[in-house]
Amino acid sequence: MEMSGERRIEAPQEAVWRALNDPEVLKAAIPGCDSLERVSDTAFAAKVTTKLGPIKATFSGQVSLSDIVPPRGYRIAGEGQGGVAGFARGGATVALAPDGDATILRYSVDAAVGGKIAQLGARLIDTTARKLADQFFARFAAIVSGPDAGAPRQVA
């Protein structure tokens, strides 16, 4: 599954960059995030509970950052194990660009699931992934710039 989009965030690029690297901000923005702890400058341990159709699963795993170019962006990749539900793995390229006093955040996501959750079908998985991405970016924008953050613009 692949998707991309962008969001205008009413905050300067440096503030958005700091928030993208703040475990507390990310934990608050990630839907279903139970814990997110920095284990190094470029890695986090995460635990996320989510519902995909009839399956509710808790995924535990690692997230790593690469291709870091402060304050313009990075690549984030991770894999989580959800026990009998299966696994999820994927990544995203996040790019920041100034837009006056605001910032344009562009993202491109690739993800894959396996195990029991893969049996749910691509349409349900894609719909759920888009919903979770929209929730993340709406929460992130609200934290960084307040509740009147720019509306999402879906690219693909």
C-alpha atoms as a PDB file:
ATOM      1  CA  MET A   1       0.000   0.000   0.000  1.00  0.00           C
ATOM      2  CA  GLU A   2       1.263   3.443  -0.906  1.00  0.00           C
ATOM      3  CA  MET A   3      -0.132   6.905  -0.297  1.00  0.00           C
ATOM      4  CA  SER A   4       1.055  10.468  -0.211  1.00  0.00           C
ATOM      5  CA  GLY A   5      -0.260  13.832   0.799  1.00  0.00           C
ATOM      6  CA  GLU A   6       0.568  17.191   2.260  1.00  0.00           C
ATOM      7  CA  ARG A   7      -0.616  19.491   4.992  1.00  0.00           C
ATOM      8  CA  ARG A   8      -0.006  23.173   5.677  1.00  0.00           C
ATOM      9  CA  ILE A   9       0.942  23.633   9.312  1.00  0.00           C
ATOM     10  CA  GLU A  10       0.614  27.081  10.832  1.00  0.00           C
ATOM     11  CA  ALA A  11       4.035  27.066  12.477  1.00  0.00           C
ATOM     12  CA  PRO A  12       7.594  27.847  11.361  1.00  0.00           C
ATOM     13  CA  GLN A  13       9.644  25.047   9.821  1.00  0.00           C
ATOM     14  CA  GLU A  14      12.007  24.846  12.829  1.00  0.00           C
ATOM     15  CA  ALA A  15       9.051  24.330  15.218  1.00  0.00           C
ATOM     16  CA  VAL A  16       7.588  21.603  12.998  1.00  0.00           C
ATOM     17  CA  TRP A  17      11.018  19.924  12.771  1.00  0.00           C
ATOM     18  CA  ARG A  18      11.419  19.949  16.570  1.00  0.00           C
ATOM     19  CA  ALA A  19       7.930  18.441  16.968  1.00  0.00           C
ATOM     20  CA  LEU A  20       8.702  15.688  14.434  1.00  0.00           C
ATOM     21  CA  ASN A  21      11.605  14.678  16.655  1.00  0.00           C
ATOM     22  CA  ASP A  22       9.826  14.972  20.025  1.00  0.00           C
ATOM     23  CA  PRO A  23       8.637  11.584  21.346  1.00  0.00           C
ATOM     24  CA  GLU A  24       5.913  13.205  23.484  1.00  0.00           C
ATOM     25  CA  VAL A  25       4.445  15.079  20.518  1.00  0.00           C
ATOM     26  CA  LEU A  26       4.593  11.985  18.332  1.00  0.00           C
ATOM     27  CA  LYS A  27       3.023   9.811  21.035  1.00  0.00           C
ATOM     28  CA  ALA A  28       0.145  12.272  21.386  1.00  0.00           C
ATOM     29  CA  ALA A  29      -0.354  12.418  17.611  1.00  0.00           C
ATOM     30  CA  ILE A  30      -0.149   8.706  16.747  1.00  0.00           C
ATOM     31  CA  PRO A  31      -3.629   7.132  16.977  1.00  0.00           C
ATOM     32  CA  GLY A  32      -3.647   4.331  19.555  1.00  0.00           C
ATOM     33  CA  CYS A  33      -0.067   4.941  20.701  1.00  0.00           C
ATOM     34  CA  ASP A  34       0.399   3.349  24.132  1.00  0.00           C
ATOM     35  CA  SER A  35       4.107   4.184  24.412  1.00  0.00           C
ATOM     36  CA  LEU A  36       6.913   5.726  22.421  1.00  0.00           C
ATOM     37  CA  GLU A  37      10.382   5.874  23.895  1.00  0.00           C
ATOM     38  CA  ARG A  38      13.594   7.154  22.349  1.00  0.00           C
ATOM     39  CA  VAL A  39      16.250   4.420  22.453  1.00  0.00           C
ATOM     40  CA  SER A  40      18.895   6.384  20.502  1.00  0.00           C
ATOM     41  CA  ASP A  41      19.218   9.572  18.456  1.00  0.00           C
ATOM     42  CA  THR A  42      17.665   7.771  15.493  1.00  0.00           C
ATOM     43  CA  ALA A  43      15.454   5.044  16.995  1.00  0.00           C
ATOM     44  CA  PHE A  44      12.293   4.648  19.063  1.00  0.00           C
ATOM     45  CA  ALA A  45      10.536   1.697  20.668  1.00  0.00           C
ATOM     46  CA  ALA A  46       6.781   1.870  20.146  1.00  0.00           C
ATOM     47  CA  LYS A  47       3.610   0.116  21.234  1.00  0.00           C
ATOM     48  CA  VAL A  48       0.392   0.916  19.326  1.00  0.00           C
ATOM     49  CA  THR A  49      -3.090  -0.564  19.641  1.00  0.00           C
ATOM     50  CA  THR A  50      -5.320  -0.322  16.582  1.00  0.00           C
ATOM     51  CA  LYS A  51      -8.470  -1.842  15.145  1.00  0.00           C
ATOM     52  CA  LEU A  52      -8.616  -3.125  11.585  1.00  0.00           C
ATOM     53  CA  GLY A  53     -12.154  -4.238  10.831  1.00  0.00           C
ATOM     54  CA  PRO A  54     -13.024  -6.930  13.381  1.00  0.00           C
ATOM     55  CA  ILE A  55      -9.416  -7.329  14.561  1.00  0.00           C
ATOM     56  CA  LYS A  56      -7.993  -5.285  17.426  1.00  0.00           C
ATOM     57  CA  ALA A  57      -4.273  -5.738  17.882  1.00  0.00           C
ATOM     58  CA  THR A  58      -1.402  -4.283  19.853  1.00  0.00           C
ATOM     59  CA  PHE A  59       1.788  -3.924  17.835  1.00  0.00           C
ATOM     60  CA  SER A  60       5.191  -3.650  19.487  1.00  0.00           C
ATOM     61  CA  GLY A  61       8.221  -2.718  17.489  1.00  0.00           C
ATOM     62  CA  GLN A  62      11.052  -0.408  16.562  1.00  0.00           C
ATOM     63  CA  VAL A  63      11.024   2.769  14.509  1.00  0.00           C
ATOM     64  CA  SER A  64      14.187   4.214  12.995  1.00  0.00           C
ATOM     65  CA  LEU A  65      15.060   7.506  11.325  1.00  0.00           C
ATOM     66  CA  SER A  66      17.417   7.821   8.358  1.00  0.00           C
ATOM     67  CA  ASP A  67      18.281  10.276   5.597  1.00  0.00           C
ATOM     68  CA  ILE A  68      18.015  13.020   8.219  1.00  0.00           C
ATOM     69  CA  VAL A  69      18.391  16.537   6.814  1.00  0.00           C
ATOM     70  CA  PRO A  70      17.505  19.068   9.548  1.00  0.00           C
ATOM     71  CA  PRO A  71      15.149  20.919   9.309  1.00  0.00           C
ATOM     72  CA  ARG A  72      13.982  19.663   5.907  1.00  0.00           C
ATOM     73  CA  GLY A  73      12.989  16.058   6.543  1.00  0.00           C
ATOM     74  CA  TYR A  74      13.825  12.401   7.040  1.00  0.00           C
ATOM     75  CA  ARG A  75      12.839   8.839   6.293  1.00  0.00           C
ATOM     76  CA  ILE A  76      11.080   6.960   9.066  1.00  0.00           C
ATOM     77  CA  ALA A  77      10.766   3.163   8.928  1.00  0.00           C
ATOM     78  CA  GLY A  78       9.459   0.567  11.305  1.00  0.00           C
ATOM     79  CA  GLU A  79       8.062  -2.863  11.890  1.00  0.00           C
ATOM     80  CA  GLY A  80       5.650  -4.045  14.527  1.00  0.00           C
ATOM     81  CA  GLN A  81       4.582  -7.491  15.647  1.00  0.00           C
ATOM     82  CA  GLY A  82       0.941  -7.938  16.598  1.00  0.00           C
ATOM     83  CA  GLY A  83       1.024 -11.499  17.883  1.00  0.00           C
ATOM     84  CA  VAL A  84      -1.613 -13.734  16.267  1.00  0.00           C
ATOM     85  CA  ALA A  85      -2.956 -10.721  14.338  1.00  0.00           C
ATOM     86  CA  GLY A  86       0.220 -10.582  12.284  1.00  0.00           C
ATOM     87  CA  PHE A  87       2.714  -7.847  11.532  1.00  0.00           C
ATOM     88  CA  ALA A  88       2.903  -4.411   9.976  1.00  0.00           C
ATOM     89  CA  ARG A  89       5.934  -2.764   8.438  1.00  0.00           C
ATOM     90  CA  GLY A  90       6.496   0.318   6.431  1.00  0.00           C
ATOM     91  CA  GLY A  91       8.007   3.699   6.189  1.00  0.00           C
ATOM     92  CA  ALA A  92       7.457   7.284   5.213  1.00  0.00           C
ATOM     93  CA  THR A  93       9.482  10.059   3.703  1.00  0.00           C
ATOM     94  CA  VAL A  94       8.628  13.357   5.361  1.00  0.00           C
ATOM     95  CA  ALA A  95       9.667  16.657   3.759  1.00  0.00           C
ATOM     96  CA  LEU A  96       9.231  20.143   5.209  1.00  0.00           C
ATOM     97  CA  ALA A  97       9.239  23.373   3.207  1.00  0.00           C
ATOM     98  CA  PRO A  98       8.665  26.925   4.448  1.00  0.00           C
ATOM     99  CA  ASP A  99       5.485  28.646   3.263  1.00  0.00           C
ATOM    100  CA  GLY A 100       5.608  32.187   4.626  1.00  0.00           C
ATOM    101  CA  ASP A 101       5.194  31.891   8.392  1.00  0.00           C
ATOM    102  CA  ALA A 102       3.857  28.337   7.985  1.00  0.00           C
ATOM    103  CA  THR A 103       5.288  25.007   6.828  1.00  0.00           C
ATOM    104  CA  ILE A 104       4.212  22.569   4.139  1.00  0.00           C
ATOM    105  CA  LEU A 105       4.660  18.983   5.321  1.00  0.00           C
ATOM    106  CA  ARG A 106       4.690  16.472   2.474  1.00  0.00           C
ATOM    107  CA  TYR A 107       4.667  12.730   3.067  1.00  0.00           C
ATOM    108  CA  SER A 108       4.929   9.562   1.048  1.00  0.00           C
ATOM    109  CA  VAL A 109       4.057   6.328   2.849  1.00  0.00           C
ATOM    110  CA  ASP A 110       4.608   2.695   1.960  1.00  0.00           C
ATOM    111  CA  ALA A 111       3.308  -0.095   4.170  1.00  0.00           C
ATOM    112  CA  ALA A 112       2.682  -3.830   4.209  1.00  0.00           C
ATOM    113  CA  VAL A 113       0.862  -6.171   6.565  1.00  0.00           C
ATOM    114  CA  GLY A 114       0.983  -9.929   7.004  1.00  0.00           C
ATOM    115  CA  GLY A 115      -0.701 -12.638   8.978  1.00  0.00           C
ATOM    116  CA  LYS A 116      -4.351 -12.593  10.013  1.00  0.00           C
ATOM    117  CA  ILE A 117      -4.811  -8.878   9.293  1.00  0.00           C
ATOM    118  CA  ALA A 118      -3.680  -9.367   5.678  1.00  0.00           C
ATOM    119  CA  GLN A 119      -6.733 -11.574   5.167  1.00  0.00           C
ATOM    120  CA  LEU A 120      -9.030  -8.580   5.698  1.00  0.00           C
ATOM    121  CA  GLY A 121      -8.478  -7.356   2.171  1.00  0.00           C
ATOM    122  CA  ALA A 122      -6.620  -4.492   0.585  1.00  0.00           C
ATOM    123  CA  ARG A 123      -9.582  -2.085   0.515  1.00  0.00           C
ATOM    124  CA  LEU A 124     -10.195  -2.258   4.280  1.00  0.00           C
ATOM    125  CA  ILE A 125      -6.473  -2.022   5.040  1.00  0.00           C
ATOM    126  CA  ASP A 126      -6.008   0.966   2.678  1.00  0.00           C
ATOM    127  CA  THR A 127      -9.067   2.759   4.091  1.00  0.00           C
ATOM    128  CA  THR A 128      -7.874   2.202   7.658  1.00  0.00           C
ATOM    129  CA  ALA A 129      -4.327   3.321   6.829  1.00  0.00           C
ATOM    130  CA  ARG A 130      -5.602   6.548   5.204  1.00  0.00           C
ATOM    131  CA  LYS A 131      -7.848   7.224   8.196  1.00  0.00           C
ATOM    132  CA  LEU A 132      -4.963   6.702  10.628  1.00  0.00           C
ATOM    133  CA  ALA A 133      -2.649   8.922   8.540  1.00  0.00           C
ATOM    134  CA  ASP A 134      -5.291  11.684   8.446  1.00  0.00           C
ATOM    135  CA  GLN A 135      -5.802  11.398  12.214  1.00  0.00           C
ATOM    136  CA  PHE A 136      -2.047  11.544  12.842  1.00  0.00           C
ATOM    137  CA  PHE A 137      -1.472  14.636  10.702  1.00  0.00           C
ATOM    138  CA  ALA A 138      -4.564  16.410  12.074  1.00  0.00           C
ATOM    139  CA  ARG A 139      -3.434  15.767  15.658  1.00  0.00           C
ATOM    140  CA  PHE A 140       0.173  16.676  14.850  1.00  0.00           C
ATOM    141  CA  ALA A 141      -0.859  19.949  13.192  1.00  0.00           C
ATOM    142  CA  ALA A 142      -3.155  20.804  16.100  1.00  0.00           C
ATOM    143  CA  ILE A 143      -0.372  20.209  18.624  1.00  0.00           C
ATOM    144  CA  VAL A 144       2.167  22.241  16.666  1.00  0.00           C
ATOM    145  CA  SER A 145      -0.043  25.106  15.516  1.00  0.00           C
ATOM    146  CA  GLY A 146      -3.343  24.930  17.378  1.00  0.00           C
ATOM    147  CA  PRO A 147      -6.772  23.542  16.437  1.00  0.00           C
ATOM    148  CA  ASP A 148      -7.197  25.702  13.282  1.00  0.00           C
ATOM    149  CA  ALA A 149      -4.473  23.902  11.339  1.00  0.00           C
ATOM    150  CA  GLY A 150      -4.752  23.658   7.578  1.00  0.00           C
ATOM    151  CA  ALA A 151      -6.967  20.999   6.037  1.00  0.00           C
ATOM    152  CA  PRO A 152      -5.376  17.893   4.557  1.00  0.00           C
ATOM    153  CA  ARG A 153      -4.823  17.696   0.813  1.00  0.00           C
ATOM    154  CA  GLN A 154      -4.721  14.131  -0.432  1.00  0.00           C
ATOM    155  CA  VAL A 155      -2.359  13.610  -3.375  1.00  0.00           C
ATOM    156  CA  ALA A 156      -2.836   9.885  -4.024  1.00  0.00           C
END
